[in-house]
Amino acid sequence: MTSTLLIVQIVLALTITIAVLLQKSSSIGLGAYSGSNESVFGAKGPTGFLAKLTFTLAFAFVVNTLALGYIYTSENSRSIADTIVPKNNAAIPSVPTTPVNTTPVAPSAPKNN
């Protein structure tokens, strides 16, 4: 399942990149290679269509990213630290359970005799 979502993620990233590059900018960008698209996309040209397509692809990208993260963390709940084996099977020292008094104790005042 994770590999399928990863492939979808890569495809979405590529299509978002292409959709953004096809949009009209101050310099014409890659839109010059698309030809005359006014008749296919309507009177506004591809601007409205590409903006809606980019938004839809970006939304699908975010949803896919969240799903991929959730599934990946649920499948891999173990940490790599769980697989570490001590050298020579030496016992790992335990942490003391009794609290250590860390408050500084001031020295007592000298006694006058």
PDB file of N, CA and C in Angstrom:
ATOM      1  N   MET A   1       0.822  -1.194   0.000  1.00  0.00           N
ATOM      2  CA  MET A   1       0.000   0.000   0.000  1.00  0.00           C
ATOM      3  C   MET A   1       0.871   1.265   0.000  1.00  0.00           C
ATOM      4  N   THR A   2       1.942   1.205   0.769  1.00  0.00           N
ATOM      5  CA  THR A   2       2.825   2.371   0.845  1.00  0.00           C
ATOM      6  C   THR A   2       3.494   2.638  -0.491  1.00  0.00           C
ATOM      7  N   SER A   3       3.893   1.573  -1.182  1.00  0.00           N
ATOM      8  CA  SER A   3       4.557   1.783  -2.472  1.00  0.00           C
ATOM      9  C   SER A   3       3.591   2.356  -3.508  1.00  0.00           C
ATOM     10  N   THR A   4       2.333   1.958  -3.457  1.00  0.00           N
ATOM     11  CA  THR A   4       1.334   2.510  -4.380  1.00  0.00           C
ATOM     12  C   THR A   4       1.139   4.003  -4.132  1.00  0.00           C
ATOM     13  N   LEU A   5       1.016   4.373  -2.851  1.00  0.00           N
ATOM     14  CA  LEU A   5       0.850   5.792  -2.537  1.00  0.00           C
ATOM     15  C   LEU A   5       2.098   6.593  -2.883  1.00  0.00           C
ATOM     16  N   LEU A   6       3.255   5.972  -2.778  1.00  0.00           N
ATOM     17  CA  LEU A   6       4.487   6.663  -3.145  1.00  0.00           C
ATOM     18  C   LEU A   6       4.545   6.921  -4.646  1.00  0.00           C
ATOM     19  N   ILE A   7       4.095   5.967  -5.442  1.00  0.00           N
ATOM     20  CA  ILE A   7       4.047   6.158  -6.895  1.00  0.00           C
ATOM     21  C   ILE A   7       3.042   7.255  -7.245  1.00  0.00           C
ATOM     22  N   VAL A   8       1.885   7.253  -6.574  1.00  0.00           N
ATOM     23  CA  VAL A   8       0.877   8.300  -6.803  1.00  0.00           C
ATOM     24  C   VAL A   8       1.457   9.662  -6.422  1.00  0.00           C
ATOM     25  N   GLN A   9       2.250   9.700  -5.341  1.00  0.00           N
ATOM     26  CA  GLN A   9       2.862  10.954  -4.901  1.00  0.00           C
ATOM     27  C   GLN A   9       3.817  11.504  -5.959  1.00  0.00           C
ATOM     28  N   ILE A  10       4.603  10.643  -6.548  1.00  0.00           N
ATOM     29  CA  ILE A  10       5.546  11.079  -7.579  1.00  0.00           C
ATOM     30  C   ILE A  10       4.796  11.582  -8.816  1.00  0.00           C
ATOM     31  N   VAL A  11       3.748  10.868  -9.218  1.00  0.00           N
ATOM     32  CA  VAL A  11       2.950  11.289 -10.378  1.00  0.00           C
ATOM     33  C   VAL A  11       2.278  12.628 -10.103  1.00  0.00           C
ATOM     34  N   LEU A  12       1.733  12.800  -8.897  1.00  0.00           N
ATOM     35  CA  LEU A  12       1.106  14.074  -8.557  1.00  0.00           C
ATOM     36  C   LEU A  12       2.116  15.212  -8.561  1.00  0.00           C
ATOM     37  N   ALA A  13       3.309  14.974  -8.065  1.00  0.00           N
ATOM     38  CA  ALA A  13       4.338  16.018  -8.053  1.00  0.00           C
ATOM     39  C   ALA A  13       4.711  16.437  -9.473  1.00  0.00           C
ATOM     40  N   LEU A  14       4.840  15.462 -10.352  1.00  0.00           N
ATOM     41  CA  LEU A  14       5.176  15.784 -11.744  1.00  0.00           C
ATOM     42  C   LEU A  14       4.046  16.535 -12.441  1.00  0.00           C
ATOM     43  N   THR A  15       2.806  16.117 -12.233  1.00  0.00           N
ATOM     44  CA  THR A  15       1.687  16.793 -12.899  1.00  0.00           C
ATOM     45  C   THR A  15       1.456  18.194 -12.340  1.00  0.00           C
ATOM     46  N   ILE A  16       1.680  18.391 -11.045  1.00  0.00           N
ATOM     47  CA  ILE A  16       1.568  19.744 -10.490  1.00  0.00           C
ATOM     48  C   ILE A  16       2.640  20.642 -11.101  1.00  0.00           C
ATOM     49  N   THR A  17       3.833  20.116 -11.236  1.00  0.00           N
ATOM     50  CA  THR A  17       4.920  20.895 -11.833  1.00  0.00           C
ATOM     51  C   THR A  17       4.581  21.295 -13.260  1.00  0.00           C
ATOM     52  N   ILE A  18       4.067  20.362 -14.028  1.00  0.00           N
ATOM     53  CA  ILE A  18       3.694  20.657 -15.414  1.00  0.00           C
ATOM     54  C   ILE A  18       2.551  21.667 -15.468  1.00  0.00           C
ATOM     55  N   ALA A  19       1.549  21.504 -14.594  1.00  0.00           N
ATOM     56  CA  ALA A  19       0.406  22.426 -14.592  1.00  0.00           C
ATOM     57  C   ALA A  19       0.835  23.837 -14.220  1.00  0.00           C
ATOM     58  N   VAL A  20       1.759  23.965 -13.295  1.00  0.00           N
ATOM     59  CA  VAL A  20       2.234  25.288 -12.904  1.00  0.00           C
ATOM     60  C   VAL A  20       3.052  25.920 -14.025  1.00  0.00           C
ATOM     61  N   LEU A  21       3.879  25.124 -14.689  1.00  0.00           N
ATOM     62  CA  LEU A  21       4.701  25.671 -15.767  1.00  0.00           C
ATOM     63  C   LEU A  21       3.880  26.049 -16.997  1.00  0.00           C
ATOM     64  N   LEU A  22       2.741  25.428 -17.189  1.00  0.00           N
ATOM     65  CA  LEU A  22       1.901  25.765 -18.338  1.00  0.00           C
ATOM     66  C   LEU A  22       1.093  27.046 -18.132  1.00  0.00           C
ATOM     67  N   GLN A  23       0.968  27.492 -16.896  1.00  0.00           N
ATOM     68  CA  GLN A  23       0.179  28.689 -16.644  1.00  0.00           C
ATOM     69  C   GLN A  23       0.898  29.923 -17.158  1.00  0.00           C
ATOM     70  N   LYS A  24       0.092  30.908 -17.530  1.00  0.00           N
ATOM     71  CA  LYS A  24       0.627  32.143 -18.087  1.00  0.00           C
ATOM     72  C   LYS A  24       1.270  32.957 -16.975  1.00  0.00           C
ATOM     73  N   SER A  25       2.432  33.495 -17.272  1.00  0.00           N
ATOM     74  CA  SER A  25       3.137  34.327 -16.306  1.00  0.00           C
ATOM     75  C   SER A  25       3.582  35.600 -17.013  1.00  0.00           C
ATOM     76  N   SER A  26       4.422  36.384 -16.348  1.00  0.00           N
ATOM     77  CA  SER A  26       4.899  37.613 -16.988  1.00  0.00           C
ATOM     78  C   SER A  26       5.741  37.268 -18.214  1.00  0.00           C
ATOM     79  N   SER A  27       6.549  36.236 -18.112  1.00  0.00           N
ATOM     80  CA  SER A  27       7.157  35.672 -19.315  1.00  0.00           C
ATOM     81  C   SER A  27       6.281  34.490 -19.683  1.00  0.00           C
ATOM     82  N   ILE A  28       6.174  34.168 -20.901  1.00  0.00           N
ATOM     83  CA  ILE A  28       5.152  33.218 -21.331  1.00  0.00           C
ATOM     84  C   ILE A  28       5.393  31.801 -20.821  1.00  0.00           C
ATOM     85  N   GLY A  29       6.599  31.448 -20.404  1.00  0.00           N
ATOM     86  CA  GLY A  29       6.870  30.130 -19.836  1.00  0.00           C
ATOM     87  C   GLY A  29       6.671  29.027 -20.859  1.00  0.00           C
ATOM     88  N   LEU A  30       6.223  27.877 -20.411  1.00  0.00           N
ATOM     89  CA  LEU A  30       5.982  26.753 -21.311  1.00  0.00           C
ATOM     90  C   LEU A  30       4.624  26.843 -22.012  1.00  0.00           C
ATOM     91  N   GLY A  31       3.842  27.867 -21.703  1.00  0.00           N
ATOM     92  CA  GLY A  31       2.547  28.027 -22.356  1.00  0.00           C
ATOM     93  C   GLY A  31       2.674  28.285 -23.843  1.00  0.00           C
ATOM     94  N   ALA A  32       3.826  28.713 -24.296  1.00  0.00           N
ATOM     95  CA  ALA A  32       4.034  28.967 -25.719  1.00  0.00           C
ATOM     96  C   ALA A  32       3.979  27.685 -26.531  1.00  0.00           C
ATOM     97  N   TYR A  33       4.284  26.570 -25.906  1.00  0.00           N
ATOM     98  CA  TYR A  33       4.299  25.298 -26.624  1.00  0.00           C
ATOM     99  C   TYR A  33       2.927  24.645 -26.706  1.00  0.00           C
ATOM    100  N   SER A  34       1.942  25.177 -25.970  1.00  0.00           N
ATOM    101  CA  SER A  34       0.635  24.533 -25.951  1.00  0.00           C
ATOM    102  C   SER A  34      -0.235  24.932 -27.135  1.00  0.00           C
ATOM    103  N   GLY A  35       0.125  25.941 -27.882  1.00  0.00           N
ATOM    104  CA  GLY A  35      -0.634  26.328 -29.068  1.00  0.00           C
ATOM    105  C   GLY A  35      -1.857  27.156 -28.714  1.00  0.00           C
ATOM    106  N   SER A  36      -2.824  27.177 -29.595  1.00  0.00           N
ATOM    107  CA  SER A  36      -4.044  27.955 -29.384  1.00  0.00           C
ATOM    108  C   SER A  36      -5.074  27.087 -28.682  1.00  0.00           C
ATOM    109  N   ASN A  37      -5.251  27.318 -27.379  1.00  0.00           N
ATOM    110  CA  ASN A  37      -6.178  26.503 -26.593  1.00  0.00           C
ATOM    111  C   ASN A  37      -7.463  27.240 -26.251  1.00  0.00           C
ATOM    112  N   GLU A  38      -7.681  28.414 -26.797  1.00  0.00           N
ATOM    113  CA  GLU A  38      -8.876  29.165 -26.437  1.00  0.00           C
ATOM    114  C   GLU A  38     -10.146  28.440 -26.836  1.00  0.00           C
ATOM    115  N   SER A  39     -10.134  27.729 -27.928  1.00  0.00           N
ATOM    116  CA  SER A  39     -11.348  27.056 -28.368  1.00  0.00           C
ATOM    117  C   SER A  39     -11.658  25.834 -27.508  1.00  0.00           C
ATOM    118  N   VAL A  40     -10.654  25.208 -26.961  1.00  0.00           N
ATOM    119  CA  VAL A  40     -10.880  24.012 -26.146  1.00  0.00           C
ATOM    120  C   VAL A  40     -11.328  24.381 -24.745  1.00  0.00           C
ATOM    121  N   PHE A  41     -10.697  25.403 -24.135  1.00  0.00           N
ATOM    122  CA  PHE A  41     -10.959  25.730 -22.745  1.00  0.00           C
ATOM    123  C   PHE A  41     -11.965  26.859 -22.560  1.00  0.00           C
ATOM    124  N   GLY A  42     -12.450  27.468 -23.583  1.00  0.00           N
ATOM    125  CA  GLY A  42     -13.422  28.542 -23.456  1.00  0.00           C
ATOM    126  C   GLY A  42     -12.820  29.890 -23.791  1.00  0.00           C
ATOM    127  N   ALA A  43     -13.580  30.962 -23.518  1.00  0.00           N
ATOM    128  CA  ALA A  43     -13.167  32.308 -23.890  1.00  0.00           C
ATOM    129  C   ALA A  43     -11.977  32.798 -23.070  1.00  0.00           C
ATOM    130  N   LYS A  44     -11.857  32.352 -21.808  1.00  0.00           N
ATOM    131  CA  LYS A  44     -10.756  32.790 -20.967  1.00  0.00           C
ATOM    132  C   LYS A  44      -9.457  32.084 -21.312  1.00  0.00           C
ATOM    133  N   GLY A  45      -9.523  31.067 -22.080  1.00  0.00           N
ATOM    134  CA  GLY A  45      -8.325  30.303 -22.392  1.00  0.00           C
ATOM    135  C   GLY A  45      -8.055  29.282 -21.295  1.00  0.00           C
ATOM    136  N   PRO A  46      -6.852  28.778 -21.234  1.00  0.00           N
ATOM    137  CA  PRO A  46      -6.542  27.737 -20.263  1.00  0.00           C
ATOM    138  C   PRO A  46      -6.307  28.248 -18.850  1.00  0.00           C
ATOM    139  N   THR A  47      -6.395  29.575 -18.647  1.00  0.00           N
ATOM    140  CA  THR A  47      -6.069  30.134 -17.344  1.00  0.00           C
ATOM    141  C   THR A  47      -6.979  29.597 -16.245  1.00  0.00           C
ATOM    142  N   GLY A  48      -8.277  29.662 -16.433  1.00  0.00           N
ATOM    143  CA  GLY A  48      -9.215  29.179 -15.420  1.00  0.00           C
ATOM    144  C   GLY A  48      -9.117  27.682 -15.224  1.00  0.00           C
ATOM    145  N   PHE A  49      -8.995  26.954 -16.324  1.00  0.00           N
ATOM    146  CA  PHE A  49      -8.904  25.491 -16.253  1.00  0.00           C
ATOM    147  C   PHE A  49      -7.631  25.064 -15.548  1.00  0.00           C
ATOM    148  N   LEU A  50      -6.502  25.671 -15.897  1.00  0.00           N
ATOM    149  CA  LEU A  50      -5.236  25.286 -15.281  1.00  0.00           C
ATOM    150  C   LEU A  50      -5.194  25.679 -13.805  1.00  0.00           C
ATOM    151  N   ALA A  51      -5.825  26.780 -13.439  1.00  0.00           N
ATOM    152  CA  ALA A  51      -5.863  27.171 -12.034  1.00  0.00           C
ATOM    153  C   ALA A  51      -6.672  26.158 -11.221  1.00  0.00           C
ATOM    154  N   LYS A  52      -7.821  25.740 -11.761  1.00  0.00           N
ATOM    155  CA  LYS A  52      -8.640  24.734 -11.065  1.00  0.00           C
ATOM    156  C   LYS A  52      -7.929  23.388 -11.013  1.00  0.00           C
ATOM    157  N   LEU A  53      -7.254  23.031 -12.092  1.00  0.00           N
ATOM    158  CA  LEU A  53      -6.519  21.773 -12.133  1.00  0.00           C
ATOM    159  C   LEU A  53      -5.368  21.781 -11.128  1.00  0.00           C
ATOM    160  N   THR A  54      -4.666  22.898 -11.045  1.00  0.00           N
ATOM    161  CA  THR A  54      -3.557  23.016 -10.099  1.00  0.00           C
ATOM    162  C   THR A  54      -4.056  22.917  -8.662  1.00  0.00           C
ATOM    163  N   PHE A  55      -5.160  23.568  -8.360  1.00  0.00           N
ATOM    164  CA  PHE A  55      -5.725  23.496  -7.009  1.00  0.00           C
ATOM    165  C   PHE A  55      -6.148  22.071  -6.676  1.00  0.00           C
ATOM    166  N   THR A  56      -6.806  21.404  -7.604  1.00  0.00           N
ATOM    167  CA  THR A  56      -7.256  20.028  -7.376  1.00  0.00           C
ATOM    168  C   THR A  56      -6.071  19.089  -7.186  1.00  0.00           C
ATOM    169  N   LEU A  57      -5.054  19.238  -8.013  1.00  0.00           N
ATOM    170  CA  LEU A  57      -3.867  18.395  -7.871  1.00  0.00           C
ATOM    171  C   LEU A  57      -3.133  18.675  -6.564  1.00  0.00           C
ATOM    172  N   ALA A  58      -3.067  19.945  -6.163  1.00  0.00           N
ATOM    173  CA  ALA A  58      -2.409  20.290  -4.909  1.00  0.00           C
ATOM    174  C   ALA A  58      -3.171  19.724  -3.716  1.00  0.00           C
ATOM    175  N   PHE A  59      -4.484  19.759  -3.767  1.00  0.00           N
ATOM    176  CA  PHE A  59      -5.305  19.184  -2.694  1.00  0.00           C
ATOM    177  C   PHE A  59      -5.095  17.675  -2.617  1.00  0.00           C
ATOM    178  N   ALA A  60      -5.078  17.013  -3.766  1.00  0.00           N
ATOM    179  CA  ALA A  60      -4.839  15.563  -3.799  1.00  0.00           C
ATOM    180  C   ALA A  60      -3.432  15.246  -3.293  1.00  0.00           C
ATOM    181  N   PHE A  61      -2.465  16.107  -3.598  1.00  0.00           N
ATOM    182  CA  PHE A  61      -1.094  15.916  -3.136  1.00  0.00           C
ATOM    183  C   PHE A  61      -1.016  15.981  -1.608  1.00  0.00           C
ATOM    184  N   VAL A  62      -1.696  16.956  -1.019  1.00  0.00           N
ATOM    185  CA  VAL A  62      -1.679  17.103   0.442  1.00  0.00           C
ATOM    186  C   VAL A  62      -2.377  15.923   1.108  1.00  0.00           C
ATOM    187  N   VAL A  63      -3.527  15.518   0.582  1.00  0.00           N
ATOM    188  CA  VAL A  63      -4.249  14.377   1.153  1.00  0.00           C
ATOM    189  C   VAL A  63      -3.410  13.104   1.027  1.00  0.00           C
ATOM    190  N   ASN A  64      -2.776  12.914  -0.106  1.00  0.00           N
ATOM    191  CA  ASN A  64      -1.929  11.739  -0.313  1.00  0.00           C
ATOM    192  C   ASN A  64      -0.723  11.770   0.623  1.00  0.00           C
ATOM    193  N   THR A  65      -0.148  12.938   0.861  1.00  0.00           N
ATOM    194  CA  THR A  65       0.979  13.062   1.776  1.00  0.00           C
ATOM    195  C   THR A  65       0.568  12.681   3.189  1.00  0.00           C
ATOM    196  N   LEU A  66      -0.586  13.156   3.647  1.00  0.00           N
ATOM    197  CA  LEU A  66      -1.070  12.807   4.983  1.00  0.00           C
ATOM    198  C   LEU A  66      -1.359  11.313   5.097  1.00  0.00           C
ATOM    199  N   ALA A  67      -1.991  10.741   4.079  1.00  0.00           N
ATOM    200  CA  ALA A  67      -2.282   9.306   4.101  1.00  0.00           C
ATOM    201  C   ALA A  67      -1.000   8.490   4.090  1.00  0.00           C
ATOM    202  N   LEU A  68      -0.039   8.902   3.300  1.00  0.00           N
ATOM    203  CA  LEU A  68       1.240   8.199   3.228  1.00  0.00           C
ATOM    204  C   LEU A  68       1.973   8.260   4.566  1.00  0.00           C
ATOM    205  N   GLY A  69       1.966   9.398   5.201  1.00  0.00           N
ATOM    206  CA  GLY A  69       2.599   9.529   6.515  1.00  0.00           C
ATOM    207  C   GLY A  69       1.920   8.702   7.571  1.00  0.00           C
ATOM    208  N   TYR A  70       0.582   8.691   7.575  1.00  0.00           N
ATOM    209  CA  TYR A  70      -0.162   7.911   8.563  1.00  0.00           C
ATOM    210  C   TYR A  70       0.071   6.416   8.381  1.00  0.00           C
ATOM    211  N   ILE A  71      -0.003   5.949   7.147  1.00  0.00           N
ATOM    212  CA  ILE A  71       0.170   4.517   6.887  1.00  0.00           C
ATOM    213  C   ILE A  71       1.609   4.096   7.174  1.00  0.00           C
ATOM    214  N   TYR A  72       2.563   4.929   6.814  1.00  0.00           N
ATOM    215  CA  TYR A  72       3.961   4.577   7.042  1.00  0.00           C
ATOM    216  C   TYR A  72       4.265   4.463   8.535  1.00  0.00           C
ATOM    217  N   THR A  73       3.767   5.404   9.341  1.00  0.00           N
ATOM    218  CA  THR A  73       4.037   5.343  10.775  1.00  0.00           C
ATOM    219  C   THR A  73       3.290   4.212  11.456  1.00  0.00           C
ATOM    220  N   SER A  74       2.112   3.857  10.965  1.00  0.00           N
ATOM    221  CA  SER A  74       1.392   2.744  11.581  1.00  0.00           C
ATOM    222  C   SER A  74       2.022   1.400  11.221  1.00  0.00           C
ATOM    223  N   GLU A  75       2.617   1.279  10.035  1.00  0.00           N
ATOM    224  CA  GLU A  75       3.287   0.037   9.650  1.00  0.00           C
ATOM    225  C   GLU A  75       4.635  -0.106  10.341  1.00  0.00           C
ATOM    226  N   ASN A  76       5.322   0.986  10.568  1.00  0.00           N
ATOM    227  CA  ASN A  76       6.660   0.959  11.150  1.00  0.00           C
ATOM    228  C   ASN A  76       6.634   1.587  12.529  1.00  0.00           C
ATOM    229  N   SER A  77       6.004   0.927  13.485  1.00  0.00           N
ATOM    230  CA  SER A  77       5.895   1.494  14.819  1.00  0.00           C
ATOM    231  C   SER A  77       7.136   1.235  15.661  1.00  0.00           C
ATOM    232  N   ARG A  78       7.997   0.320  15.237  1.00  0.00           N
ATOM    233  CA  ARG A  78       9.219   0.034  15.979  1.00  0.00           C
ATOM    234  C   ARG A  78      10.309   1.017  15.589  1.00  0.00           C
ATOM    235  N   SER A  79      11.139   1.332  16.534  1.00  0.00           N
ATOM    236  CA  SER A  79      12.266   2.226  16.300  1.00  0.00           C
ATOM    237  C   SER A  79      13.496   1.406  15.965  1.00  0.00           C
ATOM    238  N   ILE A  80      14.447   2.023  15.314  1.00  0.00           N
ATOM    239  CA  ILE A  80      15.694   1.329  15.013  1.00  0.00           C
ATOM    240  C   ILE A  80      16.473   1.068  16.301  1.00  0.00           C
ATOM    241  N   ALA A  81      16.225   1.865  17.334  1.00  0.00           N
ATOM    242  CA  ALA A  81      16.892   1.656  18.614  1.00  0.00           C
ATOM    243  C   ALA A  81      16.438   0.351  19.277  1.00  0.00           C
ATOM    244  N   ASP A  82      15.254  -0.156  18.905  1.00  0.00           N
ATOM    245  CA  ASP A  82      14.778  -1.422  19.458  1.00  0.00           C
ATOM    246  C   ASP A  82      15.597  -2.607  18.971  1.00  0.00           C
ATOM    247  N   THR A  83      16.286  -2.457  17.866  1.00  0.00           N
ATOM    248  CA  THR A  83      17.046  -3.565  17.289  1.00  0.00           C
ATOM    249  C   THR A  83      18.509  -3.579  17.714  1.00  0.00           C
ATOM    250  N   ILE A  84      18.934  -2.600  18.499  1.00  0.00           N
ATOM    251  CA  ILE A  84      20.332  -2.536  18.922  1.00  0.00           C
ATOM    252  C   ILE A  84      20.595  -3.607  19.966  1.00  0.00           C
ATOM    253  N   VAL A  85      21.637  -4.410  19.746  1.00  0.00           N
ATOM    254  CA  VAL A  85      22.028  -5.454  20.680  1.00  0.00           C
ATOM    255  C   VAL A  85      23.352  -5.032  21.303  1.00  0.00           C
ATOM    256  N   PRO A  86      23.455  -5.069  22.643  1.00  0.00           N
ATOM    257  CA  PRO A  86      24.722  -4.684  23.266  1.00  0.00           C
ATOM    258  C   PRO A  86      25.840  -5.638  22.883  1.00  0.00           C
ATOM    259  N   LYS A  87      27.092  -5.151  22.900  1.00  0.00           N
ATOM    260  CA  LYS A  87      28.245  -5.984  22.579  1.00  0.00           C
ATOM    261  C   LYS A  87      28.411  -7.070  23.631  1.00  0.00           C
ATOM    262  N   ASN A  88      28.730  -8.257  23.188  1.00  0.00           N
ATOM    263  CA  ASN A  88      28.988  -9.404  24.053  1.00  0.00           C
ATOM    264  C   ASN A  88      27.823  -9.701  24.992  1.00  0.00           C
ATOM    265  N   ASN A  89      26.648  -9.297  24.620  1.00  0.00           N
ATOM    266  CA  ASN A  89      25.443  -9.509  25.431  1.00  0.00           C
ATOM    267  C   ASN A  89      25.634  -9.032  26.859  1.00  0.00           C
ATOM    268  N   ALA A  90      26.352  -7.950  27.030  1.00  0.00           N
ATOM    269  CA  ALA A  90      26.585  -7.387  28.359  1.00  0.00           C
ATOM    270  C   ALA A  90      25.288  -6.800  28.888  1.00  0.00           C
ATOM    271  N   ALA A  91      25.157  -6.890  30.171  1.00  0.00           N
ATOM    272  CA  ALA A  91      23.951  -6.357  30.801  1.00  0.00           C
ATOM    273  C   ALA A  91      23.980  -4.836  30.754  1.00  0.00           C
ATOM    274  N   ILE A  92      22.857  -4.277  30.477  1.00  0.00           N
ATOM    275  CA  ILE A  92      22.744  -2.828  30.438  1.00  0.00           C
ATOM    276  C   ILE A  92      22.443  -2.353  31.853  1.00  0.00           C
ATOM    277  N   PRO A  93      23.227  -1.428  32.391  1.00  0.00           N
ATOM    278  CA  PRO A  93      22.968  -0.984  33.769  1.00  0.00           C
ATOM    279  C   PRO A  93      21.620  -0.279  33.848  1.00  0.00           C
ATOM    280  N   SER A  94      20.969  -0.518  34.966  1.00  0.00           N
ATOM    281  CA  SER A  94      19.647   0.085  35.131  1.00  0.00           C
ATOM    282  C   SER A  94      19.789   1.460  35.765  1.00  0.00           C
ATOM    283  N   VAL A  95      18.788   2.254  35.575  1.00  0.00           N
ATOM    284  CA  VAL A  95      18.747   3.604  36.122  1.00  0.00           C
ATOM    285  C   VAL A  95      18.239   3.500  37.552  1.00  0.00           C
ATOM    286  N   PRO A  96      18.875   4.174  38.503  1.00  0.00           N
ATOM    287  CA  PRO A  96      18.386   4.081  39.885  1.00  0.00           C
ATOM    288  C   PRO A  96      16.990   4.659  40.001  1.00  0.00           C
ATOM    289  N   THR A  97      16.175   3.985  40.805  1.00  0.00           N
ATOM    290  CA  THR A  97      14.786   4.413  40.952  1.00  0.00           C
ATOM    291  C   THR A  97      14.589   5.327  42.130  1.00  0.00           C
ATOM    292  N   THR A  98      15.559   5.398  43.053  1.00  0.00           N
ATOM    293  CA  THR A  98      15.409   6.291  44.191  1.00  0.00           C
ATOM    294  C   THR A  98      15.786   7.702  43.771  1.00  0.00           C
ATOM    295  N   PRO A  99      15.020   8.660  44.183  1.00  0.00           N
ATOM    296  CA  PRO A  99      15.331  10.036  43.782  1.00  0.00           C
ATOM    297  C   PRO A  99      16.596  10.526  44.480  1.00  0.00           C
ATOM    298  N   VAL A 100      17.371  11.250  43.761  1.00  0.00           N
ATOM    299  CA  VAL A 100      18.604  11.814  44.287  1.00  0.00           C
ATOM    300  C   VAL A 100      18.323  13.247  44.697  1.00  0.00           C
ATOM    301  N   ASN A 101      18.752  13.594  45.896  1.00  0.00           N
ATOM    302  CA  ASN A 101      18.540  14.945  46.394  1.00  0.00           C
ATOM    303  C   ASN A 101      19.543  15.864  45.713  1.00  0.00           C
ATOM    304  N   THR A 102      19.064  16.744  44.878  1.00  0.00           N
ATOM    305  CA  THR A 102      19.950  17.638  44.128  1.00  0.00           C
ATOM    306  C   THR A 102      19.941  19.054  44.661  1.00  0.00           C
ATOM    307  N   THR A 103      19.214  19.302  45.769  1.00  0.00           N
ATOM    308  CA  THR A 103      19.200  20.663  46.298  1.00  0.00           C
ATOM    309  C   THR A 103      20.507  20.912  47.041  1.00  0.00           C
ATOM    310  N   PRO A 104      21.154  22.028  46.805  1.00  0.00           N
ATOM    311  CA  PRO A 104      22.425  22.297  47.476  1.00  0.00           C
ATOM    312  C   PRO A 104      22.205  22.568  48.965  1.00  0.00           C
ATOM    313  N   VAL A 105      23.071  22.035  49.747  1.00  0.00           N
ATOM    314  CA  VAL A 105      22.989  22.248  51.192  1.00  0.00           C
ATOM    315  C   VAL A 105      24.053  23.284  51.556  1.00  0.00           C
ATOM    316  N   ALA A 106      23.611  24.335  52.222  1.00  0.00           N
ATOM    317  CA  ALA A 106      24.535  25.397  52.629  1.00  0.00           C
ATOM    318  C   ALA A 106      25.318  24.925  53.846  1.00  0.00           C
ATOM    319  N   PRO A 107      26.572  25.286  53.941  1.00  0.00           N
ATOM    320  CA  PRO A 107      27.342  24.894  55.149  1.00  0.00           C
ATOM    321  C   PRO A 107      26.811  25.591  56.364  1.00  0.00           C
ATOM    322  N   SER A 108      26.905  24.922  57.481  1.00  0.00           N
ATOM    323  CA  SER A 108      26.391  25.529  58.718  1.00  0.00           C
ATOM    324  C   SER A 108      27.331  26.643  59.170  1.00  0.00           C
ATOM    325  N   ALA A 109      26.792  27.538  59.905  1.00  0.00           N
ATOM    326  CA  ALA A 109      27.564  28.684  60.409  1.00  0.00           C
ATOM    327  C   ALA A 109      28.555  28.196  61.472  1.00  0.00           C
ATOM    328  N   PRO A 110      29.720  28.810  61.524  1.00  0.00           N
ATOM    329  CA  PRO A 110      30.684  28.374  62.537  1.00  0.00           C
ATOM    330  C   PRO A 110      30.170  28.679  63.946  1.00  0.00           C
ATOM    331  N   LYS A 111      30.494  27.792  64.870  1.00  0.00           N
ATOM    332  CA  LYS A 111      30.037  27.962  66.266  1.00  0.00           C
ATOM    333  C   LYS A 111      31.064  28.817  67.016  1.00  0.00           C
ATOM    334  N   ASN A 112      30.550  29.744  67.793  1.00  0.00           N
ATOM    335  CA  ASN A 112      31.423  30.586  68.622  1.00  0.00           C
ATOM    336  C   ASN A 112      31.552  29.942  69.993  1.00  0.00           C
ATOM    337  N   ASN A 113      32.724  29.652  70.437  1.00  0.00           N
ATOM    338  CA  ASN A 113      32.948  29.021  71.758  1.00  0.00           C
ATOM    339  C   ASN A 113      33.386  30.019  72.755  1.00  0.00           C
TER     340      ASN A 113
END
